[in-house]
Structure formats: C-alpha cells, structure tokens
Amino acid sequence: MDIQMLGCGSAFAKTFYNNNAIVYAGGKKLLIDCGITAPLALHRLGHPLEEIDAILITHMHADHIGGLEEVAFQHKFLFHRKPTLYIADTLAGPLWERSLRGGLEQEKLRGLDDYFDLRPLRESAKTEVLPGLTAELIRTKHIPDKLSYSVLLNDTFFYSADMVFDPELLASLVHDRGVETIFHDCQLEPPGVVHACLPQLLTLPEELQGRIYLMHYGDAQPDFVGKTGRMTFVEQHRVYSF
C-alpha cells in the first residue's frame, strides 16, 4: 500500500491542511477521514472527488468529517453515484443525526445510505476495504465519553486518528501484533490532554520511536524539526510506500 497525507495539520493549524490521508491499493483510492479542507486539498493535488472510491471515517470532529457534505452533494448530483463509506457501526447513526442531517436532508433524501454505499464496520473485525487492503478499527481514547477509533491497515500499519498517549497499546501493537509502522498524531507542546504530546512520545523506548511518523501537528512544526528523537515528521503530500 501507498499512503499520502492530504494534510498533517492539527484541528487549529492554518499552515497545514486537516489531517486526512489517501491510501492507494489495488488501483483504487481510500480516503481516511474527510475534514473541512479535504476537498480543497484533493483539488490542489489533482485528484477530482469522483476519483475517490471509498472513505473511512474514524470519529466525529470537523477536521475529520467536515468535507463529507460536499462529497455527498457532488457525488449525488454531479457524478450520480454513491461512494463507499466505511464507518464504525456505533458512529453511523450519530454521524447523520448529529452532524450531516442539517445540511443533507431533503425530500426523499433522509439518511446516510441515500448518499453513500454505507458499510458499517465492527470494532476489532478485519475487513477488506480495497482490493488487497484490510482495515481493523481499534477503539482509542480521545475525548472523554466520545467514541473514537484508530485503524490497523494490513496488520502491520497503525494509523492513529486522534488519541491520547497510550504506551501500552503501542508496545502491544508492535510486540504482540507485529506492527511495523505507526503514523501517530502529535501535539507539539504539553499538556497532552486529548492528544499525545511530543514530550510524552519522547519517553517511548527508542525501538518504538524508530517506527513512529508524527502527524496532526501545529503550525510551529518547523521549530521542532530535529527535536523528535528517533521519530520523523510525516510530510504532507509526500507518498510513502509500505
């Protein structure tokens, strides 16, 4: 699989786009999350919205779902097709009722499945989401009392959506499940309340740090280059092959 970050920015970053990714596998494209800036980032990269074969949503913050209304309308009324939407079965109802219904509901268009080929995912169940690409949702802690998931791709690539520092999980993924690469969200300054922060991640053993690429960072990111231990910043728009 190849992965390309549409953006690597935190929710409040202005220099960087929202932290959303394209995964390329089997000649198709999966969009992981679709934030407010996703349609613009896709346009500037030369990827028309109609080229996206499927979308996987991790949780319900605007920098992860804010572009879905445009995607839904364009596919419905311009491209006349339904893109595939993968989302945890626990989040499909809330995504419509609490986020998208106000903008998308019309006469005879009253649910997610009127706009998307809806594919609910069960937590911890491995599912083929593109040819040759499997995804497994892992529930991770982000905002108290709000469901949020990270994604394990092809058993070896862990993509944290937004999560607090969880060294036990990271160690287990590597040592027990054979994960080779981790794309991890990183708040640059402490305290790490709803995201892992860089000082916390720097406490990880070097062997774990060497597998970690940092994303979802703030506009001060250039000031931290060379200060991340064995970890590396993900570059937005660069294509990584794993």
C-alpha atoms as a PDB file:
ATOM      1  CA  MET A   1       0.000   0.000   0.000  1.00  0.00           C
ATOM      2  CA  ASP A   2       0.949   3.612  -0.500  1.00  0.00           C
ATOM      3  CA  ILE A   3      -0.244   6.437   1.725  1.00  0.00           C
ATOM      4  CA  GLN A   4      -0.292  10.174   1.067  1.00  0.00           C
ATOM      5  CA  MET A   5      -1.358  12.724   3.649  1.00  0.00           C
ATOM      6  CA  LEU A   6      -3.689  15.336   2.196  1.00  0.00           C
ATOM      7  CA  GLY A   7      -2.704  17.336   5.234  1.00  0.00           C
ATOM      8  CA  CYS A   8      -0.858  16.873   8.505  1.00  0.00           C
ATOM      9  CA  GLY A   9      -2.332  19.775  10.446  1.00  0.00           C
ATOM     10  CA  SER A  10      -3.989  19.834  13.843  1.00  0.00           C
ATOM     11  CA  ALA A  11      -7.592  20.966  14.113  1.00  0.00           C
ATOM     12  CA  PHE A  12      -6.464  24.589  14.576  1.00  0.00           C
ATOM     13  CA  ALA A  13      -3.500  24.656  12.162  1.00  0.00           C
ATOM     14  CA  LYS A  14      -3.679  27.252   9.398  1.00  0.00           C
ATOM     15  CA  THR A  15      -0.428  26.481   7.571  1.00  0.00           C
ATOM     16  CA  PHE A  16      -1.322  22.833   7.083  1.00  0.00           C
ATOM     17  CA  TYR A  17      -4.450  21.083   5.810  1.00  0.00           C
ATOM     18  CA  ASN A  18      -6.593  18.839   8.021  1.00  0.00           C
ATOM     19  CA  ASN A  19      -5.000  15.526   8.950  1.00  0.00           C
ATOM     20  CA  ASN A  20      -6.595  13.307   6.285  1.00  0.00           C
ATOM     21  CA  ALA A  21      -4.956  10.649   4.085  1.00  0.00           C
ATOM     22  CA  ILE A  22      -5.313   8.823   0.784  1.00  0.00           C
ATOM     23  CA  VAL A  23      -4.393   5.150   0.794  1.00  0.00           C
ATOM     24  CA  TYR A  24      -3.663   3.612  -2.614  1.00  0.00           C
ATOM     25  CA  ALA A  25      -4.174  -0.129  -3.061  1.00  0.00           C
ATOM     26  CA  GLY A  26      -5.375  -2.390  -5.852  1.00  0.00           C
ATOM     27  CA  GLY A  27      -5.592   0.529  -8.269  1.00  0.00           C
ATOM     28  CA  LYS A  28      -8.133   2.298  -6.061  1.00  0.00           C
ATOM     29  CA  LYS A  29      -8.160   5.132  -3.508  1.00  0.00           C
ATOM     30  CA  LEU A  30      -9.388   5.107   0.090  1.00  0.00           C
ATOM     31  CA  LEU A  31      -9.754   8.422   1.897  1.00  0.00           C
ATOM     32  CA  ILE A  32      -9.153   8.172   5.643  1.00  0.00           C
ATOM     33  CA  ASP A  33     -11.295  10.944   7.102  1.00  0.00           C
ATOM     34  CA  CYS A  34     -12.689  13.865   5.152  1.00  0.00           C
ATOM     35  CA  GLY A  35     -12.218  17.111   7.024  1.00  0.00           C
ATOM     36  CA  ILE A  36     -13.154  20.656   6.121  1.00  0.00           C
ATOM     37  CA  THR A  37     -10.085  21.139   3.913  1.00  0.00           C
ATOM     38  CA  ALA A  38     -10.149  17.701   2.236  1.00  0.00           C
ATOM     39  CA  PRO A  39     -11.993  18.744  -0.967  1.00  0.00           C
ATOM     40  CA  LEU A  40      -9.604  21.686  -1.479  1.00  0.00           C
ATOM     41  CA  ALA A  41      -6.523  19.575  -0.752  1.00  0.00           C
ATOM     42  CA  LEU A  42      -7.702  16.909  -3.212  1.00  0.00           C
ATOM     43  CA  HIS A  43      -8.296  19.584  -5.845  1.00  0.00           C
ATOM     44  CA  ARG A  44      -4.844  21.084  -5.402  1.00  0.00           C
ATOM     45  CA  LEU A  45      -3.268  17.636  -5.663  1.00  0.00           C
ATOM     46  CA  GLY A  46      -5.123  16.994  -8.926  1.00  0.00           C
ATOM     47  CA  HIS A  47      -7.483  14.346  -7.515  1.00  0.00           C
ATOM     48  CA  PRO A  48     -11.118  15.031  -8.503  1.00  0.00           C
ATOM     49  CA  LEU A  49     -13.625  13.951  -5.882  1.00  0.00           C
ATOM     50  CA  GLU A  50     -15.077  11.404  -8.296  1.00  0.00           C
ATOM     51  CA  GLU A  51     -11.752   9.513  -8.210  1.00  0.00           C
ATOM     52  CA  ILE A  52     -12.215   8.597  -4.546  1.00  0.00           C
ATOM     53  CA  ASP A  53     -13.507   5.036  -4.369  1.00  0.00           C
ATOM     54  CA  ALA A  54     -14.150   4.815  -0.629  1.00  0.00           C
ATOM     55  CA  ILE A  55     -13.989   6.852   2.574  1.00  0.00           C
ATOM     56  CA  LEU A  56     -13.257   5.604   6.097  1.00  0.00           C
ATOM     57  CA  ILE A  57     -14.300   7.829   8.996  1.00  0.00           C
ATOM     58  CA  THR A  58     -12.611   7.495  12.398  1.00  0.00           C
ATOM     59  CA  HIS A  59     -14.571   9.923  14.574  1.00  0.00           C
ATOM     60  CA  MET A  60     -16.851  12.929  14.506  1.00  0.00           C
ATOM     61  CA  HIS A  61     -14.766  16.093  14.644  1.00  0.00           C
ATOM     62  CA  ALA A  62     -14.988  18.661  11.854  1.00  0.00           C
ATOM     63  CA  ASP A  63     -11.353  18.223  10.797  1.00  0.00           C
ATOM     64  CA  HIS A  64     -12.274  14.581  10.116  1.00  0.00           C
ATOM     65  CA  ILE A  65     -15.826  14.836   8.722  1.00  0.00           C
ATOM     66  CA  GLY A  66     -16.317  18.488   7.690  1.00  0.00           C
ATOM     67  CA  GLY A  67     -15.892  17.797   3.966  1.00  0.00           C
ATOM     68  CA  LEU A  68     -18.446  14.986   3.766  1.00  0.00           C
ATOM     69  CA  GLU A  69     -21.360  17.274   2.879  1.00  0.00           C
ATOM     70  CA  GLU A  70     -19.608  18.476  -0.274  1.00  0.00           C
ATOM     71  CA  VAL A  71     -18.550  14.937  -1.164  1.00  0.00           C
ATOM     72  CA  ALA A  72     -22.136  13.726  -0.738  1.00  0.00           C
ATOM     73  CA  PHE A  73     -23.687  16.504  -2.817  1.00  0.00           C
ATOM     74  CA  GLN A  74     -21.144  16.290  -5.634  1.00  0.00           C
ATOM     75  CA  HIS A  75     -21.481  12.523  -5.955  1.00  0.00           C
ATOM     76  CA  LYS A  76     -25.271  12.649  -5.764  1.00  0.00           C
ATOM     77  CA  PHE A  77     -25.959  15.464  -8.196  1.00  0.00           C
ATOM     78  CA  LEU A  78     -22.853  15.691 -10.407  1.00  0.00           C
ATOM     79  CA  PHE A  79     -21.438  12.175 -10.602  1.00  0.00           C
ATOM     80  CA  HIS A  80     -24.702  10.266  -9.970  1.00  0.00           C
ATOM     81  CA  ARG A  81     -23.141   7.559  -7.877  1.00  0.00           C
ATOM     82  CA  LYS A  82     -22.662   6.638  -4.245  1.00  0.00           C
ATOM     83  CA  PRO A  83     -19.134   6.461  -2.878  1.00  0.00           C
ATOM     84  CA  THR A  84     -18.499   3.700  -0.359  1.00  0.00           C
ATOM     85  CA  LEU A  85     -18.480   4.926   3.234  1.00  0.00           C
ATOM     86  CA  TYR A  86     -16.855   2.804   5.937  1.00  0.00           C
ATOM     87  CA  ILE A  87     -17.650   3.852   9.485  1.00  0.00           C
ATOM     88  CA  ALA A  88     -17.954   2.123  12.859  1.00  0.00           C
ATOM     89  CA  ASP A  89     -21.451   0.730  13.358  1.00  0.00           C
ATOM     90  CA  THR A  90     -21.573   2.766  16.575  1.00  0.00           C
ATOM     91  CA  LEU A  91     -20.991   6.038  14.712  1.00  0.00           C
ATOM     92  CA  ALA A  92     -23.160   5.731  11.594  1.00  0.00           C
ATOM     93  CA  GLY A  93     -26.352   6.933  13.304  1.00  0.00           C
ATOM     94  CA  PRO A  94     -24.711   9.809  15.196  1.00  0.00           C
ATOM     95  CA  LEU A  95     -22.848  10.960  12.066  1.00  0.00           C
ATOM     96  CA  TRP A  96     -26.186  11.526  10.344  1.00  0.00           C
ATOM     97  CA  GLU A  97     -28.307  12.711  13.250  1.00  0.00           C
ATOM     98  CA  ARG A  98     -25.762  14.991  14.941  1.00  0.00           C
ATOM     99  CA  SER A  99     -23.612  16.223  12.059  1.00  0.00           C
ATOM    100  CA  LEU A 100     -24.823  15.755   8.470  1.00  0.00           C
ATOM    101  CA  ARG A 101     -28.610  15.736   8.645  1.00  0.00           C
ATOM    102  CA  GLY A 102     -28.982  19.515   8.911  1.00  0.00           C
ATOM    103  CA  GLY A 103     -27.256  20.090   5.581  1.00  0.00           C
ATOM    104  CA  LEU A 104     -28.051  16.950   3.603  1.00  0.00           C
ATOM    105  CA  GLU A 105     -31.632  16.065   4.472  1.00  0.00           C
ATOM    106  CA  GLN A 106     -34.096  16.799   1.690  1.00  0.00           C
ATOM    107  CA  GLU A 107     -37.333  15.288   0.423  1.00  0.00           C
ATOM    108  CA  LYS A 108     -36.598  11.595  -0.249  1.00  0.00           C
ATOM    109  CA  LEU A 109     -33.003  12.017   0.971  1.00  0.00           C
ATOM    110  CA  ARG A 110     -33.235  11.175   4.640  1.00  0.00           C
ATOM    111  CA  GLY A 111     -30.214   9.123   5.619  1.00  0.00           C
ATOM    112  CA  LEU A 112     -26.564   8.306   5.001  1.00  0.00           C
ATOM    113  CA  ASP A 113     -27.495   5.471   2.680  1.00  0.00           C
ATOM    114  CA  ASP A 114     -29.256   7.910   0.346  1.00  0.00           C
ATOM    115  CA  TYR A 115     -25.859   9.447  -0.399  1.00  0.00           C
ATOM    116  CA  PHE A 116     -23.355   6.688   0.345  1.00  0.00           C
ATOM    117  CA  ASP A 117     -22.924   2.973  -0.110  1.00  0.00           C
ATOM    118  CA  LEU A 118     -22.839   2.540   3.661  1.00  0.00           C
ATOM    119  CA  ARG A 119     -20.576  -0.211   5.031  1.00  0.00           C
ATOM    120  CA  PRO A 120     -20.702  -0.297   8.854  1.00  0.00           C
ATOM    121  CA  LEU A 121     -17.586  -1.744  10.482  1.00  0.00           C
ATOM    122  CA  ARG A 122     -17.431  -3.707  13.709  1.00  0.00           C
ATOM    123  CA  GLU A 123     -14.699  -2.852  16.167  1.00  0.00           C
ATOM    124  CA  SER A 124     -11.757  -5.298  16.031  1.00  0.00           C
ATOM    125  CA  ALA A 125     -13.098  -7.032  12.899  1.00  0.00           C
ATOM    126  CA  LYS A 126     -10.727  -7.100   9.923  1.00  0.00           C
ATOM    127  CA  THR A 127     -12.432  -6.003   6.685  1.00  0.00           C
ATOM    128  CA  GLU A 128     -11.153  -5.729   3.118  1.00  0.00           C
ATOM    129  CA  VAL A 129     -11.833  -2.081   2.223  1.00  0.00           C
ATOM    130  CA  LEU A 130      -9.962  -2.014  -1.107  1.00  0.00           C
ATOM    131  CA  PRO A 131      -8.526  -4.893  -3.130  1.00  0.00           C
ATOM    132  CA  GLY A 132      -5.565  -6.144  -1.114  1.00  0.00           C
ATOM    133  CA  LEU A 133      -6.147  -3.681   1.749  1.00  0.00           C
ATOM    134  CA  THR A 134      -7.652  -4.688   5.081  1.00  0.00           C
ATOM    135  CA  ALA A 135      -8.682  -2.351   7.868  1.00  0.00           C
ATOM    136  CA  GLU A 136      -9.407  -3.067  11.521  1.00  0.00           C
ATOM    137  CA  LEU A 137     -10.905  -0.436  13.804  1.00  0.00           C
ATOM    138  CA  ILE A 138      -9.296  -0.188  17.228  1.00  0.00           C
ATOM    139  CA  ARG A 139     -11.099   1.923  19.809  1.00  0.00           C
ATOM    140  CA  THR A 140      -8.724   4.520  21.234  1.00  0.00           C
ATOM    141  CA  LYS A 141      -9.150   7.258  23.837  1.00  0.00           C
ATOM    142  CA  HIS A 142      -9.534  10.839  22.639  1.00  0.00           C
ATOM    143  CA  ILE A 143     -12.379  12.934  24.121  1.00  0.00           C
ATOM    144  CA  PRO A 144     -13.938  11.503  27.294  1.00  0.00           C
ATOM    145  CA  ASP A 145     -17.281   9.791  26.617  1.00  0.00           C
ATOM    146  CA  LYS A 146     -16.974  10.171  22.823  1.00  0.00           C
ATOM    147  CA  LEU A 147     -16.220   7.200  20.590  1.00  0.00           C
ATOM    148  CA  SER A 148     -13.057   7.442  18.505  1.00  0.00           C
ATOM    149  CA  TYR A 149     -11.179   4.808  16.546  1.00  0.00           C
ATOM    150  CA  SER A 150      -7.734   4.290  15.102  1.00  0.00           C
ATOM    151  CA  VAL A 151      -7.070   1.989  12.139  1.00  0.00           C
ATOM    152  CA  LEU A 152      -4.812  -1.016  11.640  1.00  0.00           C
ATOM    153  CA  LEU A 153      -4.095  -1.480   7.927  1.00  0.00           C
ATOM    154  CA  ASN A 154      -2.908  -4.815   6.515  1.00  0.00           C
ATOM    155  CA  ASP A 155      -1.993  -5.923  10.058  1.00  0.00           C
ATOM    156  CA  THR A 156       1.320  -4.018  10.016  1.00  0.00           C
ATOM    157  CA  PHE A 157       0.482  -0.299   9.675  1.00  0.00           C
ATOM    158  CA  PHE A 158      -1.164   1.557  12.573  1.00  0.00           C
ATOM    159  CA  TYR A 159      -2.817   4.905  11.817  1.00  0.00           C
ATOM    160  CA  SER A 160      -3.899   6.775  14.920  1.00  0.00           C
ATOM    161  CA  ALA A 161      -6.759   9.108  14.224  1.00  0.00           C
ATOM    162  CA  ASP A 162      -6.739  11.287  17.354  1.00  0.00           C
ATOM    163  CA  MET A 163      -5.703   9.642  20.615  1.00  0.00           C
ATOM    164  CA  VAL A 164      -4.145  10.321  23.978  1.00  0.00           C
ATOM    165  CA  PHE A 165      -0.762   8.878  24.883  1.00  0.00           C
ATOM    166  CA  ASP A 166      -1.119   5.115  25.283  1.00  0.00           C
ATOM    167  CA  PRO A 167       2.319   3.497  25.522  1.00  0.00           C
ATOM    168  CA  GLU A 168       0.882   0.113  26.488  1.00  0.00           C
ATOM    169  CA  LEU A 169      -1.182  -0.035  23.306  1.00  0.00           C
ATOM    170  CA  LEU A 170       1.755   0.993  21.124  1.00  0.00           C
ATOM    171  CA  ALA A 171       4.029  -1.609  22.723  1.00  0.00           C
ATOM    172  CA  SER A 172       1.378  -4.301  22.334  1.00  0.00           C
ATOM    173  CA  LEU A 173       0.801  -3.457  18.680  1.00  0.00           C
ATOM    174  CA  VAL A 174       4.493  -3.796  17.926  1.00  0.00           C
ATOM    175  CA  HIS A 175       5.480  -6.705  20.165  1.00  0.00           C
ATOM    176  CA  ASP A 176       2.282  -8.767  20.115  1.00  0.00           C
ATOM    177  CA  ARG A 177       0.782  -7.974  16.722  1.00  0.00           C
ATOM    178  CA  GLY A 178       3.819  -7.288  14.558  1.00  0.00           C
ATOM    179  CA  VAL A 179       3.074  -3.680  13.630  1.00  0.00           C
ATOM    180  CA  GLU A 180       5.989  -2.232  11.675  1.00  0.00           C
ATOM    181  CA  THR A 181       4.930   1.392  11.096  1.00  0.00           C
ATOM    182  CA  ILE A 182       2.940   3.872  13.177  1.00  0.00           C
ATOM    183  CA  PHE A 183       1.540   7.174  11.916  1.00  0.00           C
ATOM    184  CA  HIS A 184       0.769   8.949  15.200  1.00  0.00           C
ATOM    185  CA  ASP A 185      -0.945  12.257  15.930  1.00  0.00           C
ATOM    186  CA  CYS A 186       1.319  14.599  17.853  1.00  0.00           C
ATOM    187  CA  GLN A 187       0.545  17.762  19.788  1.00  0.00           C
ATOM    188  CA  LEU A 188       3.850  19.604  19.868  1.00  0.00           C
ATOM    189  CA  GLU A 189       3.516  21.299  23.254  1.00  0.00           C
ATOM    190  CA  PRO A 190       2.269  19.847  26.552  1.00  0.00           C
ATOM    191  CA  PRO A 191      -0.036  19.096  28.197  1.00  0.00           C
ATOM    192  CA  GLY A 192      -1.344  16.141  26.236  1.00  0.00           C
ATOM    193  CA  VAL A 193      -4.989  16.204  27.278  1.00  0.00           C
ATOM    194  CA  VAL A 194      -6.800  14.822  24.213  1.00  0.00           C
ATOM    195  CA  HIS A 195      -3.759  14.112  22.009  1.00  0.00           C
ATOM    196  CA  ALA A 196      -0.400  12.530  22.702  1.00  0.00           C
ATOM    197  CA  CYS A 197       2.107  15.364  23.024  1.00  0.00           C
ATOM    198  CA  LEU A 198       5.707  15.296  21.871  1.00  0.00           C
ATOM    199  CA  PRO A 199       7.257  15.210  25.381  1.00  0.00           C
ATOM    200  CA  GLN A 200       5.162  12.123  26.139  1.00  0.00           C
ATOM    201  CA  LEU A 201       6.099  10.373  22.902  1.00  0.00           C
ATOM    202  CA  LEU A 202       9.772  11.097  23.575  1.00  0.00           C
ATOM    203  CA  THR A 203       9.538   8.874  26.680  1.00  0.00           C
ATOM    204  CA  LEU A 204       8.939   5.814  24.483  1.00  0.00           C
ATOM    205  CA  PRO A 205      11.816   3.349  24.022  1.00  0.00           C
ATOM    206  CA  GLU A 206      13.979   4.159  21.007  1.00  0.00           C
ATOM    207  CA  GLU A 207      12.941   0.890  19.388  1.00  0.00           C
ATOM    208  CA  LEU A 208       9.335   2.105  19.335  1.00  0.00           C
ATOM    209  CA  GLN A 209      10.256   5.661  18.370  1.00  0.00           C
ATOM    210  CA  GLY A 210      12.024   4.347  15.290  1.00  0.00           C
ATOM    211  CA  ARG A 211       8.708   3.082  13.928  1.00  0.00           C
ATOM    212  CA  ILE A 212       6.774   6.312  14.509  1.00  0.00           C
ATOM    213  CA  TYR A 213       5.975   9.061  11.998  1.00  0.00           C
ATOM    214  CA  LEU A 214       4.403  12.179  13.525  1.00  0.00           C
ATOM    215  CA  MET A 215       1.325  13.867  12.039  1.00  0.00           C
ATOM    216  CA  HIS A 216      -1.569  16.127  13.119  1.00  0.00           C
ATOM    217  CA  TYR A 217       0.880  18.795  14.280  1.00  0.00           C
ATOM    218  CA  GLY A 218       0.503  22.537  14.741  1.00  0.00           C
ATOM    219  CA  ASP A 219       1.864  25.468  12.771  1.00  0.00           C
ATOM    220  CA  ALA A 220       5.005  25.595  14.940  1.00  0.00           C
ATOM    221  CA  GLN A 221       6.167  22.285  13.433  1.00  0.00           C
ATOM    222  CA  PRO A 222       9.261  23.770  11.686  1.00  0.00           C
ATOM    223  CA  ASP A 223      10.609  24.816  15.099  1.00  0.00           C
ATOM    224  CA  PHE A 224      10.621  21.170  16.211  1.00  0.00           C
ATOM    225  CA  VAL A 225      12.487  19.603  13.294  1.00  0.00           C
ATOM    226  CA  GLY A 226      15.463  17.712  14.724  1.00  0.00           C
ATOM    227  CA  LYS A 227      13.897  17.602  18.199  1.00  0.00           C
ATOM    228  CA  THR A 228      11.803  14.456  17.850  1.00  0.00           C
ATOM    229  CA  GLY A 229      14.239  11.756  18.950  1.00  0.00           C
ATOM    230  CA  ARG A 230      14.142   8.824  16.549  1.00  0.00           C
ATOM    231  CA  MET A 231      10.673   9.809  15.351  1.00  0.00           C
ATOM    232  CA  THR A 232      10.120  11.508  11.991  1.00  0.00           C
ATOM    233  CA  PHE A 233       7.582  14.106  10.884  1.00  0.00           C
ATOM    234  CA  VAL A 234       5.242  12.987   8.116  1.00  0.00           C
ATOM    235  CA  GLU A 235       5.431  15.374   5.147  1.00  0.00           C
ATOM    236  CA  GLN A 236       2.045  16.278   3.754  1.00  0.00           C
ATOM    237  CA  HIS A 237       1.531  15.320   0.086  1.00  0.00           C
ATOM    238  CA  ARG A 238       4.563  13.002   0.036  1.00  0.00           C
ATOM    239  CA  VAL A 239       3.717   9.425  -0.993  1.00  0.00           C
ATOM    240  CA  TYR A 240       5.007   6.757   1.401  1.00  0.00           C
ATOM    241  CA  SER A 241       5.181   3.091   0.381  1.00  0.00           C
ATOM    242  CA  PHE A 242       4.859   0.279   2.904  1.00  0.00           C
END
